[in-house]
Structure formats: structure tokens, C-alpha cells
Amino acid sequence: MKTEVCQFSGFKIYPGHGRLFVRSDSRSFRFINSKCESYFLQRLKPSKLNWTVVYRRLHKKDKTEEVAKKRTRRTVKAQRAVVGASIEAIKAKKNQKPELRATLRQKALNDAKEKKKAEQDKKKAEAK
């Protein structure tokens, strides 16, 4: 058995009951009785009439069971190995003191600069 819902009051309309109003723009509205249809045509707001379902929802009159909020899963951050470095190596670097890491970084930077300078000198020697 298919039931419709009244556009104005929100009540269930069982088969063989209710009225169907079709507006000039071809939009159809179903009403449970002439009272709802009349109020709709008078452009009354169902939220202001305390017997409608809309009013009862807005003013929290229904004793509906509260829907439990859907729990969101916390994303667990997992450290993974990077190509060329294992997890142990990464953790060991992370546990080093900041001063030590800074000196190692500076040393690596200086080595890279020296290597680049050596390559440039080599290119200059070949160009001559």
C-alpha cells in the first residue's frame, strides 16, 4: 500500500483519500483534506500552525529516538620507509639532537657545494 504525504500538513495520505491540486506551471500538490488545501491557497505557513508536522518538528514536540552521530574514524599516521632510507634510519635521524642534525646538514651542504664547484672547474678546463 503506497501512501503519499500531504504537502501542507505532512500527514500520511492513504489510497482513496486526499485531494490533488495541479498548479498552472504543472506542479502537483497533494493535500489530505480541503482544510490543508485552503490554507495552502491562502499562502499560510504550515510552520505557524501548531497542528502540522512541520510545526511539531520545529518546536521539538515529537518524541523521536535521537539518531546517534556517526563516528568518524581517526586516521592513524604510519611512518613508512622511503626509497633509499629505512624506517630505522629515519627514526634514528629524528631522535638526534637538533644541533647535531644542523651540523650534519651544513657539512652535507658544504660537500655538495665543493662537488659542484669541482665540476664547474672541470668544465672550464675542458672548454679552454
C-alpha atoms as a PDB file:
ATOM      1  CA  MET A   1       0.000   0.000   0.000  1.00  0.00           C
ATOM      2  CA  LYS A   2       1.541   3.248  -1.186  1.00  0.00           C
ATOM      3  CA  THR A   3       0.958   6.310   0.939  1.00  0.00           C
ATOM      4  CA  GLU A   4       1.540   9.909  -0.105  1.00  0.00           C
ATOM      5  CA  VAL A   5       2.490  12.829   2.141  1.00  0.00           C
ATOM      6  CA  CYS A   6       0.378  15.963   2.438  1.00  0.00           C
ATOM      7  CA  GLN A   7       2.308  18.944   1.052  1.00  0.00           C
ATOM      8  CA  PHE A   8       0.899  21.247   3.727  1.00  0.00           C
ATOM      9  CA  SER A   9       0.412  19.306   6.947  1.00  0.00           C
ATOM     10  CA  GLY A  10       2.884  16.464   6.439  1.00  0.00           C
ATOM     11  CA  PHE A  11       0.281  13.800   7.328  1.00  0.00           C
ATOM     12  CA  LYS A  12       0.112  10.456   5.518  1.00  0.00           C
ATOM     13  CA  ILE A  13      -2.479  10.217   2.760  1.00  0.00           C
ATOM     14  CA  TYR A  14      -3.791   6.688   2.251  1.00  0.00           C
ATOM     15  CA  PRO A  15      -5.114   5.454  -1.122  1.00  0.00           C
ATOM     16  CA  GLY A  16      -8.554   6.796  -1.982  1.00  0.00           C
ATOM     17  CA  HIS A  17      -8.162   9.829   0.287  1.00  0.00           C
ATOM     18  CA  GLY A  18      -6.972  13.370  -0.182  1.00  0.00           C
ATOM     19  CA  ARG A  19      -7.037  15.921  -2.958  1.00  0.00           C
ATOM     20  CA  LEU A  20      -4.658  16.641  -5.811  1.00  0.00           C
ATOM     21  CA  PHE A  21      -4.093  20.262  -6.796  1.00  0.00           C
ATOM     22  CA  VAL A  22      -2.220  20.977 -10.037  1.00  0.00           C
ATOM     23  CA  ARG A  23      -0.843  24.484 -10.401  1.00  0.00           C
ATOM     24  CA  SER A  24      -0.721  26.275 -13.762  1.00  0.00           C
ATOM     25  CA  ASP A  25       3.032  25.509 -14.008  1.00  0.00           C
ATOM     26  CA  SER A  26       2.111  21.765 -13.953  1.00  0.00           C
ATOM     27  CA  ARG A  27       3.431  21.247 -10.414  1.00  0.00           C
ATOM     28  CA  SER A  28       1.146  18.934  -8.433  1.00  0.00           C
ATOM     29  CA  PHE A  29       0.412  19.150  -4.697  1.00  0.00           C
ATOM     30  CA  ARG A  30      -1.331  16.509  -2.590  1.00  0.00           C
ATOM     31  CA  PHE A  31      -3.434  17.502   0.393  1.00  0.00           C
ATOM     32  CA  ILE A  32      -5.105  15.301   2.985  1.00  0.00           C
ATOM     33  CA  ASN A  33      -8.282  17.417   3.132  1.00  0.00           C
ATOM     34  CA  SER A  34      -9.870  20.669   1.990  1.00  0.00           C
ATOM     35  CA  LYS A  35      -8.629  22.458   5.125  1.00  0.00           C
ATOM     36  CA  CYS A  36      -4.977  21.899   4.135  1.00  0.00           C
ATOM     37  CA  GLU A  37      -5.706  22.848   0.530  1.00  0.00           C
ATOM     38  CA  SER A  38      -7.460  26.039   1.614  1.00  0.00           C
ATOM     39  CA  TYR A  39      -4.600  27.072   3.928  1.00  0.00           C
ATOM     40  CA  PHE A  40      -2.102  26.346   1.142  1.00  0.00           C
ATOM     41  CA  LEU A  41      -4.037  28.513  -1.314  1.00  0.00           C
ATOM     42  CA  GLN A  42      -4.196  31.275   1.323  1.00  0.00           C
ATOM     43  CA  ARG A  43      -0.407  31.025   1.448  1.00  0.00           C
ATOM     44  CA  LEU A  44      -0.343  30.339   5.180  1.00  0.00           C
ATOM     45  CA  LYS A  45       2.870  28.926   6.568  1.00  0.00           C
ATOM     46  CA  PRO A  46       2.476  25.405   7.951  1.00  0.00           C
ATOM     47  CA  SER A  47       5.268  26.135  10.444  1.00  0.00           C
ATOM     48  CA  LYS A  48       2.965  28.644  12.187  1.00  0.00           C
ATOM     49  CA  LEU A  49       0.046  26.244  12.641  1.00  0.00           C
ATOM     50  CA  ASN A  50       0.641  24.075  15.674  1.00  0.00           C
ATOM     51  CA  TRP A  51      -1.205  21.001  14.357  1.00  0.00           C
ATOM     52  CA  THR A  52       1.113  20.454  11.379  1.00  0.00           C
ATOM     53  CA  VAL A  53       4.070  18.073  11.316  1.00  0.00           C
ATOM     54  CA  VAL A  54       6.381  20.942  10.289  1.00  0.00           C
ATOM     55  CA  TYR A  55       5.455  22.938  13.418  1.00  0.00           C
ATOM     56  CA  ARG A  56       5.955  19.904  15.677  1.00  0.00           C
ATOM     57  CA  ARG A  57       9.409  19.270  14.171  1.00  0.00           C
ATOM     58  CA  LEU A  58      10.490  22.903  14.529  1.00  0.00           C
ATOM     59  CA  HIS A  59       9.323  23.085  18.156  1.00  0.00           C
ATOM     60  CA  LYS A  60      10.694  19.639  19.091  1.00  0.00           C
ATOM     61  CA  LYS A  61       7.302  18.215  20.091  1.00  0.00           C
ATOM     62  CA  ASP A  62       7.841  14.712  18.726  1.00  0.00           C
ATOM     63  CA  LYS A  63       9.432  12.022  20.838  1.00  0.00           C
ATOM     64  CA  THR A  64      11.616  10.586  18.095  1.00  0.00           C
ATOM     65  CA  GLU A  65      14.609   8.481  19.039  1.00  0.00           C
ATOM     66  CA  GLU A  66      17.736  10.553  18.751  1.00  0.00           C
ATOM     67  CA  VAL A  67      19.931   9.433  15.889  1.00  0.00           C
ATOM     68  CA  ALA A  68      23.403   8.696  17.207  1.00  0.00           C
ATOM     69  CA  LYS A  69      26.058  10.769  15.475  1.00  0.00           C
ATOM     70  CA  LYS A  70      28.091   8.774  13.021  1.00  0.00           C
ATOM     71  CA  ARG A  71      31.517   8.200  14.469  1.00  0.00           C
ATOM     72  CA  THR A  72      34.354   9.382  12.332  1.00  0.00           C
ATOM     73  CA  ARG A  73      37.412   7.179  12.250  1.00  0.00           C
ATOM     74  CA  ARG A  74      40.638   8.813  13.262  1.00  0.00           C
ATOM     75  CA  THR A  75      43.291   8.363  10.638  1.00  0.00           C
ATOM     76  CA  VAL A  76      46.336   6.666  12.066  1.00  0.00           C
ATOM     77  CA  LYS A  77      49.527   8.169  10.763  1.00  0.00           C
ATOM     78  CA  ALA A  78      52.013   5.455   9.971  1.00  0.00           C
ATOM     79  CA  GLN A  79      55.618   6.151   9.092  1.00  0.00           C
ATOM     80  CA  ARG A  80      56.824   4.192   6.129  1.00  0.00           C
ATOM     81  CA  ALA A  81      60.234   3.698   4.655  1.00  0.00           C
ATOM     82  CA  VAL A  82      61.232   5.954   1.780  1.00  0.00           C
ATOM     83  CA  VAL A  83      63.248   4.665  -1.165  1.00  0.00           C
ATOM     84  CA  GLY A  84      66.873   4.860  -0.061  1.00  0.00           C
ATOM     85  CA  ALA A  85      66.100   5.147   3.684  1.00  0.00           C
ATOM     86  CA  SER A  86      64.690   2.514   6.028  1.00  0.00           C
ATOM     87  CA  ILE A  87      62.305   3.274   8.914  1.00  0.00           C
ATOM     88  CA  GLU A  88      65.099   2.694  11.433  1.00  0.00           C
ATOM     89  CA  ALA A  89      67.338   5.240   9.686  1.00  0.00           C
ATOM     90  CA  ILE A  90      64.526   7.813   9.619  1.00  0.00           C
ATOM     91  CA  LYS A  91      63.721   7.267  13.315  1.00  0.00           C
ATOM     92  CA  ALA A  92      67.408   7.490  14.232  1.00  0.00           C
ATOM     93  CA  LYS A  93      67.693  10.853  12.453  1.00  0.00           C
ATOM     94  CA  LYS A  94      64.506  12.060  14.130  1.00  0.00           C
ATOM     95  CA  ASN A  95      65.893  11.184  17.568  1.00  0.00           C
ATOM     96  CA  GLN A  96      69.159  13.066  17.007  1.00  0.00           C
ATOM     97  CA  LYS A  97      69.710  16.361  18.775  1.00  0.00           C
ATOM     98  CA  PRO A  98      68.850  19.443  16.667  1.00  0.00           C
ATOM     99  CA  GLU A  99      72.413  20.832  16.953  1.00  0.00           C
ATOM    100  CA  LEU A 100      73.901  17.598  15.644  1.00  0.00           C
ATOM    101  CA  ARG A 101      71.417  17.497  12.762  1.00  0.00           C
ATOM    102  CA  ALA A 102      72.202  21.119  11.887  1.00  0.00           C
ATOM    103  CA  THR A 103      75.974  20.440  11.781  1.00  0.00           C
ATOM    104  CA  LEU A 104      75.475  17.308   9.648  1.00  0.00           C
ATOM    105  CA  ARG A 105      73.191  19.234   7.285  1.00  0.00           C
ATOM    106  CA  GLN A 106      75.751  22.035   6.983  1.00  0.00           C
ATOM    107  CA  LYS A 107      78.522  19.512   6.323  1.00  0.00           C
ATOM    108  CA  ALA A 108      76.447  17.819   3.582  1.00  0.00           C
ATOM    109  CA  LEU A 109      75.678  21.234   2.064  1.00  0.00           C
ATOM    110  CA  ASN A 110      79.360  22.181   2.014  1.00  0.00           C
ATOM    111  CA  ASP A 111      80.275  18.834   0.401  1.00  0.00           C
ATOM    112  CA  ALA A 112      77.644  19.376  -2.295  1.00  0.00           C
ATOM    113  CA  LYS A 113      78.937  22.915  -2.957  1.00  0.00           C
ATOM    114  CA  GLU A 114      82.522  21.666  -3.236  1.00  0.00           C
ATOM    115  CA  LYS A 115      81.464  18.901  -5.609  1.00  0.00           C
ATOM    116  CA  LYS A 116      79.539  21.373  -7.787  1.00  0.00           C
ATOM    117  CA  LYS A 117      82.492  23.774  -7.808  1.00  0.00           C
ATOM    118  CA  ALA A 118      84.819  20.937  -8.817  1.00  0.00           C
ATOM    119  CA  GLU A 119      82.517  20.025 -11.717  1.00  0.00           C
ATOM    120  CA  GLN A 120      82.369  23.651 -12.883  1.00  0.00           C
ATOM    121  CA  ASP A 121      86.192  23.922 -12.749  1.00  0.00           C
ATOM    122  CA  LYS A 122      86.422  20.701 -14.754  1.00  0.00           C
ATOM    123  CA  LYS A 123      84.016  22.115 -17.414  1.00  0.00           C
ATOM    124  CA  LYS A 124      86.023  25.348 -17.613  1.00  0.00           C
ATOM    125  CA  ALA A 125      89.244  23.366 -18.089  1.00  0.00           C
ATOM    126  CA  GLU A 126      87.652  21.320 -20.897  1.00  0.00           C
ATOM    127  CA  ALA A 127      86.261  24.446 -22.604  1.00  0.00           C
ATOM    128  CA  LYS A 128      89.750  26.038 -22.875  1.00  0.00           C
END
